[in-house]
Amino acid sequence: MLNGDTLIGFTVGGAFLLAYAALVVTALLQVLRDDGIGDWPRIAWIASLLLFPFVGSLVWLFLGHKTSGIGKNTSLPN
């Protein structure tokens, strides 16, 4: 029989596992969809995400991911 502490542990652990999976999947999808990187850098990013999922995801999100086009008005000439 499960007591209250065990249920809380499962709930908290499940929440962290879900957040971890969302972080890794988000980073992997962004690497696959990013048109701004070449083939070899993309392969290197994918390898780093597969070998070191947590650290690779954080490095991608803070250093590798470039936000493009957000907040820019591309309809006007420079």
N, C-alpha and C. Protein backbone atom coordinates (compact mmCIF):
# COMPACT_ATOMS: atom_id res chain seq x y z
N MET A 1 0.83 -1.17 0.00
CA MET A 1 0.00 0.00 0.00
C MET A 1 0.88 1.24 0.00
N LEU A 2 0.49 2.24 -0.78
CA LEU A 2 1.25 3.47 -0.88
C LEU A 2 0.81 4.45 0.18
N ASN A 3 1.80 5.08 0.84
CA ASN A 3 1.45 6.12 1.81
C ASN A 3 1.54 7.49 1.14
N GLY A 4 1.23 8.53 1.88
CA GLY A 4 1.19 9.89 1.33
C GLY A 4 2.53 10.37 0.81
N ASP A 5 3.61 10.03 1.54
CA ASP A 5 4.94 10.47 1.11
C ASP A 5 5.34 9.84 -0.21
N THR A 6 5.00 8.60 -0.41
CA THR A 6 5.33 7.92 -1.66
C THR A 6 4.57 8.54 -2.82
N LEU A 7 3.32 8.85 -2.63
CA LEU A 7 2.52 9.47 -3.69
C LEU A 7 3.04 10.86 -4.05
N ILE A 8 3.46 11.62 -3.05
CA ILE A 8 4.04 12.94 -3.32
C ILE A 8 5.34 12.78 -4.08
N GLY A 9 6.14 11.80 -3.70
CA GLY A 9 7.39 11.54 -4.42
C GLY A 9 7.15 11.18 -5.87
N PHE A 10 6.16 10.34 -6.13
CA PHE A 10 5.83 9.98 -7.51
C PHE A 10 5.34 11.20 -8.30
N THR A 11 4.56 12.04 -7.65
CA THR A 11 4.02 13.22 -8.33
C THR A 11 5.14 14.20 -8.68
N VAL A 12 6.00 14.49 -7.73
CA VAL A 12 7.11 15.42 -7.97
C VAL A 12 8.08 14.83 -8.98
N GLY A 13 8.40 13.56 -8.83
CA GLY A 13 9.30 12.91 -9.78
C GLY A 13 8.72 12.87 -11.18
N GLY A 14 7.44 12.62 -11.29
CA GLY A 14 6.79 12.62 -12.59
C GLY A 14 6.79 13.99 -13.25
N ALA A 15 6.61 15.03 -12.44
CA ALA A 15 6.64 16.39 -12.98
C ALA A 15 8.03 16.73 -13.50
N PHE A 16 9.08 16.36 -12.76
CA PHE A 16 10.45 16.61 -13.22
C PHE A 16 10.77 15.79 -14.47
N LEU A 17 10.30 14.56 -14.52
CA LEU A 17 10.53 13.73 -15.70
C LEU A 17 9.83 14.31 -16.93
N LEU A 18 8.64 14.80 -16.75
CA LEU A 18 7.90 15.43 -17.86
C LEU A 18 8.60 16.70 -18.33
N ALA A 19 9.08 17.53 -17.41
CA ALA A 19 9.80 18.76 -17.77
C ALA A 19 11.11 18.42 -18.49
N TYR A 20 11.82 17.40 -18.04
CA TYR A 20 13.06 16.96 -18.66
C TYR A 20 12.80 16.48 -20.09
N ALA A 21 11.78 15.66 -20.27
CA ALA A 21 11.45 15.16 -21.61
C ALA A 21 11.03 16.30 -22.52
N ALA A 22 10.27 17.26 -22.02
CA ALA A 22 9.86 18.40 -22.84
C ALA A 22 11.06 19.24 -23.25
N LEU A 23 12.02 19.42 -22.36
CA LEU A 23 13.23 20.18 -22.67
C LEU A 23 14.03 19.50 -23.78
N VAL A 24 14.25 18.21 -23.66
CA VAL A 24 15.05 17.48 -24.64
C VAL A 24 14.34 17.42 -25.99
N VAL A 25 13.07 17.13 -25.99
CA VAL A 25 12.31 17.04 -27.25
C VAL A 25 12.24 18.40 -27.93
N THR A 26 12.02 19.46 -27.16
CA THR A 26 11.98 20.80 -27.74
C THR A 26 13.30 21.16 -28.40
N ALA A 27 14.40 20.91 -27.71
CA ALA A 27 15.72 21.22 -28.27
C ALA A 27 15.98 20.40 -29.53
N LEU A 28 15.64 19.13 -29.51
CA LEU A 28 15.86 18.27 -30.68
C LEU A 28 15.04 18.74 -31.87
N LEU A 29 13.79 19.08 -31.65
CA LEU A 29 12.94 19.58 -32.74
C LEU A 29 13.44 20.92 -33.29
N GLN A 30 13.93 21.78 -32.42
CA GLN A 30 14.47 23.06 -32.88
C GLN A 30 15.72 22.86 -33.73
N VAL A 31 16.57 21.93 -33.33
CA VAL A 31 17.78 21.64 -34.12
C VAL A 31 17.38 21.10 -35.49
N LEU A 32 16.43 20.21 -35.52
CA LEU A 32 16.01 19.61 -36.79
C LEU A 32 15.34 20.63 -37.71
N ARG A 33 14.66 21.61 -37.16
CA ARG A 33 13.90 22.57 -37.97
C ARG A 33 14.67 23.85 -38.29
N ASP A 34 15.82 24.08 -37.66
CA ASP A 34 16.56 25.33 -37.84
C ASP A 34 17.25 25.33 -39.20
N ASP A 35 16.87 26.29 -40.06
CA ASP A 35 17.46 26.41 -41.38
C ASP A 35 18.77 27.18 -41.37
N GLY A 36 19.11 27.78 -40.27
CA GLY A 36 20.30 28.63 -40.19
C GLY A 36 21.59 27.88 -39.91
N ILE A 37 21.53 26.58 -39.69
CA ILE A 37 22.76 25.84 -39.43
C ILE A 37 22.99 24.84 -40.55
N GLY A 38 24.25 24.54 -40.80
CA GLY A 38 24.61 23.62 -41.87
C GLY A 38 24.44 22.17 -41.45
N ASP A 39 24.79 21.29 -42.39
CA ASP A 39 24.60 19.85 -42.13
C ASP A 39 25.50 19.33 -41.02
N TRP A 40 26.80 19.65 -41.09
CA TRP A 40 27.71 19.12 -40.07
C TRP A 40 27.46 19.69 -38.68
N PRO A 41 27.21 21.00 -38.55
CA PRO A 41 26.83 21.49 -37.21
C PRO A 41 25.54 20.87 -36.69
N ARG A 42 24.58 20.62 -37.59
CA ARG A 42 23.33 19.98 -37.19
C ARG A 42 23.59 18.57 -36.66
N ILE A 43 24.45 17.84 -37.36
CA ILE A 43 24.80 16.49 -36.92
C ILE A 43 25.49 16.54 -35.55
N ALA A 44 26.38 17.52 -35.38
CA ALA A 44 27.06 17.67 -34.08
C ALA A 44 26.07 17.99 -32.97
N TRP A 45 25.11 18.88 -33.24
CA TRP A 45 24.10 19.20 -32.23
C TRP A 45 23.25 17.99 -31.90
N ILE A 46 22.84 17.25 -32.91
CA ILE A 46 22.01 16.06 -32.66
C ILE A 46 22.79 15.04 -31.84
N ALA A 47 24.07 14.85 -32.18
CA ALA A 47 24.90 13.91 -31.42
C ALA A 47 25.03 14.36 -29.97
N SER A 48 25.24 15.66 -29.76
CA SER A 48 25.37 16.14 -28.38
C SER A 48 24.06 15.98 -27.61
N LEU A 49 22.92 16.16 -28.31
CA LEU A 49 21.64 15.97 -27.63
C LEU A 49 21.37 14.51 -27.30
N LEU A 50 21.84 13.62 -28.14
CA LEU A 50 21.63 12.19 -27.87
C LEU A 50 22.61 11.66 -26.82
N LEU A 51 23.84 12.16 -26.82
CA LEU A 51 24.84 11.68 -25.87
C LEU A 51 24.70 12.33 -24.50
N PHE A 52 24.40 13.62 -24.48
CA PHE A 52 24.27 14.37 -23.24
C PHE A 52 22.96 15.16 -23.28
N PRO A 53 21.83 14.51 -23.13
CA PRO A 53 20.55 15.16 -23.37
C PRO A 53 20.29 16.41 -22.53
N PHE A 54 20.55 16.35 -21.25
CA PHE A 54 20.22 17.49 -20.40
C PHE A 54 21.16 18.67 -20.67
N VAL A 55 22.46 18.42 -20.62
CA VAL A 55 23.43 19.49 -20.84
C VAL A 55 23.35 19.99 -22.28
N GLY A 56 23.24 19.08 -23.24
CA GLY A 56 23.13 19.48 -24.64
C GLY A 56 21.91 20.35 -24.90
N SER A 57 20.80 20.02 -24.27
CA SER A 57 19.57 20.81 -24.43
C SER A 57 19.73 22.21 -23.86
N LEU A 58 20.32 22.30 -22.69
CA LEU A 58 20.52 23.61 -22.09
C LEU A 58 21.49 24.46 -22.91
N VAL A 59 22.57 23.85 -23.39
CA VAL A 59 23.53 24.59 -24.21
C VAL A 59 22.86 25.05 -25.50
N TRP A 60 22.07 24.19 -26.13
CA TRP A 60 21.37 24.59 -27.36
C TRP A 60 20.42 25.76 -27.09
N LEU A 61 19.62 25.67 -26.04
CA LEU A 61 18.63 26.69 -25.78
C LEU A 61 19.25 28.04 -25.41
N PHE A 62 20.41 28.02 -24.73
CA PHE A 62 21.01 29.28 -24.31
C PHE A 62 22.07 29.81 -25.26
N LEU A 63 22.74 28.94 -26.01
CA LEU A 63 23.82 29.40 -26.88
C LEU A 63 23.59 29.12 -28.36
N GLY A 64 23.00 28.00 -28.70
CA GLY A 64 22.88 27.62 -30.09
C GLY A 64 21.64 28.12 -30.78
N HIS A 65 20.56 28.27 -30.05
CA HIS A 65 19.28 28.66 -30.65
C HIS A 65 19.27 30.15 -30.91
N LYS A 66 19.03 30.52 -32.15
CA LYS A 66 18.92 31.93 -32.53
C LYS A 66 17.47 32.23 -32.88
N THR A 67 16.92 33.25 -32.26
CA THR A 67 15.58 33.68 -32.60
C THR A 67 15.66 34.52 -33.85
N SER A 68 14.91 34.15 -34.87
CA SER A 68 15.00 34.89 -36.13
C SER A 68 13.64 35.43 -36.52
N GLY A 69 13.64 36.70 -36.89
CA GLY A 69 12.43 37.30 -37.44
C GLY A 69 11.41 37.77 -36.42
N ILE A 70 11.58 37.50 -35.17
CA ILE A 70 10.61 37.92 -34.18
C ILE A 70 10.85 39.39 -33.85
N GLY A 71 9.82 40.18 -33.98
CA GLY A 71 9.92 41.60 -33.68
C GLY A 71 10.47 42.44 -34.81
N LYS A 72 10.81 41.83 -35.92
CA LYS A 72 11.33 42.57 -37.05
C LYS A 72 10.21 42.80 -38.06
N ASN A 73 10.19 43.98 -38.63
CA ASN A 73 9.24 44.27 -39.69
C ASN A 73 9.97 44.09 -41.01
N THR A 74 9.74 42.97 -41.66
CA THR A 74 10.46 42.65 -42.88
C THR A 74 9.78 43.20 -44.13
N SER A 75 8.65 43.87 -43.96
CA SER A 75 7.95 44.39 -45.14
C SER A 75 8.52 45.72 -45.62
N LEU A 76 9.27 46.42 -44.78
CA LEU A 76 9.83 47.71 -45.16
C LEU A 76 11.28 47.55 -45.60
N PRO A 77 11.70 48.27 -46.65
CA PRO A 77 13.11 48.19 -47.06
C PRO A 77 13.98 48.92 -46.06
N ASN A 78 15.25 48.56 -46.01
CA ASN A 78 16.20 49.19 -45.07
C ASN A 78 16.61 50.54 -45.54
